[in-house]
Amino acid sequence: MHPLINNLSELKDIEIENKILELSKKYYQTHNSNLQYQIRLALDVYNEELRTRRSKLLQQQLENRNQDLDKLIKVN
């Protein structure tokens, strides 16, 4: 976890996406390699959080879909 990033669970997905866009713009605006490195670290944290959330959501959707199919198909 990046020391300047607070608890990500409090942020909505859209807020994380906006942070990623904002940091990406700042990354390309600066020519300071040390600052770019720090921004890259923060971007990695935000991207990983978003990836994790989307993976969990996909898994939930797949589980729900499979349950619905089980109710429709009855094998005697």
N, C-alpha and C. Protein backbone atom coordinates (compact mmCIF):
# COMPACT_ATOMS: atom_id res chain seq x y z
N MET A 1 0.85 -1.18 0.00
CA MET A 1 0.00 0.00 0.00
C MET A 1 0.89 1.24 0.00
N HIS A 2 0.52 2.17 -0.81
CA HIS A 2 1.24 3.43 -0.90
C HIS A 2 0.96 4.26 0.36
N PRO A 3 1.98 4.88 0.94
CA PRO A 3 1.78 5.60 2.21
C PRO A 3 0.85 6.82 2.11
N LEU A 4 0.65 7.34 0.93
CA LEU A 4 -0.22 8.52 0.79
C LEU A 4 -1.65 8.17 0.41
N ILE A 5 -1.94 6.89 0.28
CA ILE A 5 -3.29 6.47 -0.11
C ILE A 5 -3.99 5.92 1.12
N ASN A 6 -5.15 6.50 1.40
CA ASN A 6 -5.94 6.06 2.54
C ASN A 6 -6.73 4.81 2.20
N ASN A 7 -7.65 4.44 3.04
CA ASN A 7 -8.46 3.24 2.89
C ASN A 7 -9.28 3.30 1.60
N LEU A 8 -8.99 2.41 0.68
CA LEU A 8 -9.66 2.40 -0.62
C LEU A 8 -11.06 1.84 -0.54
N SER A 9 -11.37 1.10 0.50
CA SER A 9 -12.70 0.51 0.61
C SER A 9 -13.78 1.58 0.80
N GLU A 10 -13.37 2.77 1.19
CA GLU A 10 -14.32 3.87 1.38
C GLU A 10 -14.68 4.55 0.06
N LEU A 11 -13.90 4.29 -0.98
CA LEU A 11 -14.13 4.94 -2.27
C LEU A 11 -15.02 4.08 -3.16
N LYS A 12 -15.83 4.75 -3.97
CA LYS A 12 -16.65 4.06 -4.96
C LYS A 12 -15.77 3.79 -6.18
N ASP A 13 -16.24 2.87 -7.03
CA ASP A 13 -15.48 2.53 -8.23
C ASP A 13 -15.22 3.75 -9.11
N ILE A 14 -16.22 4.58 -9.26
CA ILE A 14 -16.06 5.77 -10.12
C ILE A 14 -15.03 6.73 -9.55
N GLU A 15 -14.94 6.80 -8.23
CA GLU A 15 -13.94 7.66 -7.60
C GLU A 15 -12.53 7.13 -7.85
N ILE A 16 -12.38 5.82 -7.81
CA ILE A 16 -11.08 5.22 -8.11
C ILE A 16 -10.72 5.45 -9.57
N GLU A 17 -11.69 5.29 -10.46
CA GLU A 17 -11.43 5.53 -11.88
C GLU A 17 -11.01 6.99 -12.12
N ASN A 18 -11.66 7.91 -11.43
CA ASN A 18 -11.30 9.33 -11.57
C ASN A 18 -9.90 9.60 -11.05
N LYS A 19 -9.52 8.95 -9.96
CA LYS A 19 -8.16 9.09 -9.42
C LYS A 19 -7.14 8.59 -10.43
N ILE A 20 -7.45 7.46 -11.06
CA ILE A 20 -6.55 6.89 -12.06
C ILE A 20 -6.37 7.87 -13.22
N LEU A 21 -7.47 8.44 -13.69
CA LEU A 21 -7.38 9.42 -14.79
C LEU A 21 -6.57 10.64 -14.38
N GLU A 22 -6.84 11.14 -13.18
CA GLU A 22 -6.14 12.33 -12.68
C GLU A 22 -4.64 12.08 -12.54
N LEU A 23 -4.29 10.94 -11.97
CA LEU A 23 -2.87 10.62 -11.79
C LEU A 23 -2.18 10.35 -13.12
N SER A 24 -2.90 9.76 -14.05
CA SER A 24 -2.32 9.50 -15.38
C SER A 24 -1.98 10.81 -16.08
N LYS A 25 -2.86 11.79 -15.97
CA LYS A 25 -2.59 13.10 -16.57
C LYS A 25 -1.37 13.74 -15.93
N LYS A 26 -1.29 13.67 -14.61
CA LYS A 26 -0.16 14.26 -13.90
C LYS A 26 1.14 13.55 -14.24
N TYR A 27 1.05 12.25 -14.45
CA TYR A 27 2.24 11.48 -14.80
C TYR A 27 2.87 12.01 -16.09
N TYR A 28 2.03 12.26 -17.08
CA TYR A 28 2.54 12.72 -18.38
C TYR A 28 2.84 14.21 -18.41
N GLN A 29 2.36 14.95 -17.43
CA GLN A 29 2.63 16.38 -17.39
C GLN A 29 4.01 16.70 -16.80
N THR A 30 4.51 15.79 -15.97
CA THR A 30 5.79 16.05 -15.33
C THR A 30 6.93 15.34 -16.04
N HIS A 31 8.09 15.92 -15.94
CA HIS A 31 9.29 15.30 -16.52
C HIS A 31 10.25 14.88 -15.42
N ASN A 32 9.79 15.00 -14.19
CA ASN A 32 10.59 14.59 -13.04
C ASN A 32 10.44 13.08 -12.87
N SER A 33 11.52 12.35 -13.08
CA SER A 33 11.45 10.89 -13.05
C SER A 33 11.11 10.35 -11.65
N ASN A 34 11.57 11.03 -10.60
CA ASN A 34 11.24 10.58 -9.25
C ASN A 34 9.75 10.74 -8.97
N LEU A 35 9.19 11.85 -9.41
CA LEU A 35 7.76 12.08 -9.23
C LEU A 35 6.95 11.09 -10.07
N GLN A 36 7.39 10.83 -11.29
CA GLN A 36 6.72 9.85 -12.14
C GLN A 36 6.71 8.47 -11.48
N TYR A 37 7.81 8.13 -10.84
CA TYR A 37 7.90 6.84 -10.16
C TYR A 37 6.86 6.76 -9.03
N GLN A 38 6.74 7.81 -8.24
CA GLN A 38 5.78 7.83 -7.14
C GLN A 38 4.34 7.78 -7.66
N ILE A 39 4.08 8.49 -8.73
CA ILE A 39 2.74 8.46 -9.33
C ILE A 39 2.45 7.05 -9.86
N ARG A 40 3.45 6.43 -10.46
CA ARG A 40 3.27 5.06 -10.99
C ARG A 40 2.92 4.09 -9.86
N LEU A 41 3.57 4.24 -8.72
CA LEU A 41 3.27 3.38 -7.57
C LEU A 41 1.82 3.57 -7.12
N ALA A 42 1.38 4.81 -7.06
CA ALA A 42 -0.01 5.09 -6.67
C ALA A 42 -0.98 4.54 -7.70
N LEU A 43 -0.66 4.71 -8.98
CA LEU A 43 -1.51 4.16 -10.04
C LEU A 43 -1.63 2.65 -9.94
N ASP A 44 -0.54 2.00 -9.62
CA ASP A 44 -0.58 0.54 -9.46
C ASP A 44 -1.52 0.12 -8.34
N VAL A 45 -1.52 0.87 -7.24
CA VAL A 45 -2.40 0.55 -6.11
C VAL A 45 -3.86 0.72 -6.52
N TYR A 46 -4.18 1.83 -7.16
CA TYR A 46 -5.56 2.08 -7.59
C TYR A 46 -6.02 1.06 -8.63
N ASN A 47 -5.16 0.76 -9.59
CA ASN A 47 -5.52 -0.22 -10.62
C ASN A 47 -5.73 -1.61 -10.03
N GLU A 48 -4.90 -1.99 -9.09
CA GLU A 48 -5.05 -3.30 -8.46
C GLU A 48 -6.35 -3.38 -7.67
N GLU A 49 -6.71 -2.31 -6.98
CA GLU A 49 -7.97 -2.29 -6.23
C GLU A 49 -9.16 -2.43 -7.18
N LEU A 50 -9.12 -1.71 -8.28
CA LEU A 50 -10.20 -1.78 -9.26
C LEU A 50 -10.29 -3.17 -9.88
N ARG A 51 -9.15 -3.75 -10.19
CA ARG A 51 -9.11 -5.11 -10.75
C ARG A 51 -9.70 -6.12 -9.76
N THR A 52 -9.34 -5.99 -8.50
CA THR A 52 -9.85 -6.89 -7.47
C THR A 52 -11.36 -6.78 -7.33
N ARG A 53 -11.86 -5.56 -7.31
CA ARG A 53 -13.30 -5.34 -7.19
C ARG A 53 -14.06 -5.93 -8.37
N ARG A 54 -13.53 -5.71 -9.55
CA ARG A 54 -14.21 -6.23 -10.75
C ARG A 54 -14.15 -7.75 -10.80
N SER A 55 -13.08 -8.31 -10.34
CA SER A 55 -12.97 -9.76 -10.30
C SER A 55 -13.99 -10.35 -9.32
N LYS A 56 -14.15 -9.74 -8.17
CA LYS A 56 -15.14 -10.20 -7.19
C LYS A 56 -16.55 -10.07 -7.75
N LEU A 57 -16.83 -8.97 -8.42
CA LEU A 57 -18.14 -8.75 -9.00
C LEU A 57 -18.44 -9.80 -10.07
N LEU A 58 -17.48 -10.09 -10.91
CA LEU A 58 -17.65 -11.10 -11.94
C LEU A 58 -17.90 -12.47 -11.32
N GLN A 59 -17.15 -12.79 -10.29
CA GLN A 59 -17.34 -14.07 -9.61
C GLN A 59 -18.74 -14.18 -9.01
N GLN A 60 -19.23 -13.11 -8.41
CA GLN A 60 -20.58 -13.10 -7.85
C GLN A 60 -21.63 -13.28 -8.94
N GLN A 61 -21.43 -12.61 -10.05
CA GLN A 61 -22.38 -12.72 -11.16
C GLN A 61 -22.40 -14.14 -11.71
N LEU A 62 -21.25 -14.76 -11.82
CA LEU A 62 -21.19 -16.14 -12.32
C LEU A 62 -21.87 -17.09 -11.35
N GLU A 63 -21.68 -16.89 -10.08
CA GLU A 63 -22.32 -17.75 -9.09
C GLU A 63 -23.84 -17.58 -9.12
N ASN A 64 -24.30 -16.36 -9.24
CA ASN A 64 -25.74 -16.11 -9.30
C ASN A 64 -26.35 -16.69 -10.57
N ARG A 65 -25.65 -16.57 -11.66
CA ARG A 65 -26.15 -17.09 -12.93
C ARG A 65 -26.28 -18.61 -12.86
N ASN A 66 -25.30 -19.25 -12.28
CA ASN A 66 -25.33 -20.71 -12.18
C ASN A 66 -26.48 -21.17 -11.29
N GLN A 67 -26.78 -20.45 -10.24
CA GLN A 67 -27.89 -20.81 -9.36
C GLN A 67 -29.21 -20.68 -10.10
N ASP A 68 -29.35 -19.65 -10.89
CA ASP A 68 -30.59 -19.45 -11.64
C ASP A 68 -30.79 -20.57 -12.65
N LEU A 69 -29.74 -21.01 -13.28
CA LEU A 69 -29.86 -22.10 -14.25
C LEU A 69 -30.25 -23.40 -13.56
N ASP A 70 -29.75 -23.61 -12.38
CA ASP A 70 -30.10 -24.83 -11.64
C ASP A 70 -31.59 -24.88 -11.35
N LYS A 71 -32.21 -23.75 -11.12
CA LYS A 71 -33.63 -23.71 -10.83
C LYS A 71 -34.45 -23.99 -12.10
N LEU A 72 -33.93 -23.60 -13.25
CA LEU A 72 -34.65 -23.79 -14.50
C LEU A 72 -34.56 -25.21 -15.02
N ILE A 73 -33.43 -25.85 -14.81
CA ILE A 73 -33.22 -27.17 -15.35
C ILE A 73 -33.40 -28.20 -14.23
N LYS A 74 -34.41 -29.04 -14.38
CA LYS A 74 -34.68 -30.08 -13.38
C LYS A 74 -34.47 -31.43 -14.05
N VAL A 75 -33.58 -32.19 -13.49
CA VAL A 75 -33.29 -33.51 -14.01
C VAL A 75 -33.94 -34.53 -13.06
N ASN A 76 -34.78 -35.41 -13.62
CA ASN A 76 -35.44 -36.43 -12.81
C ASN A 76 -34.77 -37.77 -12.96
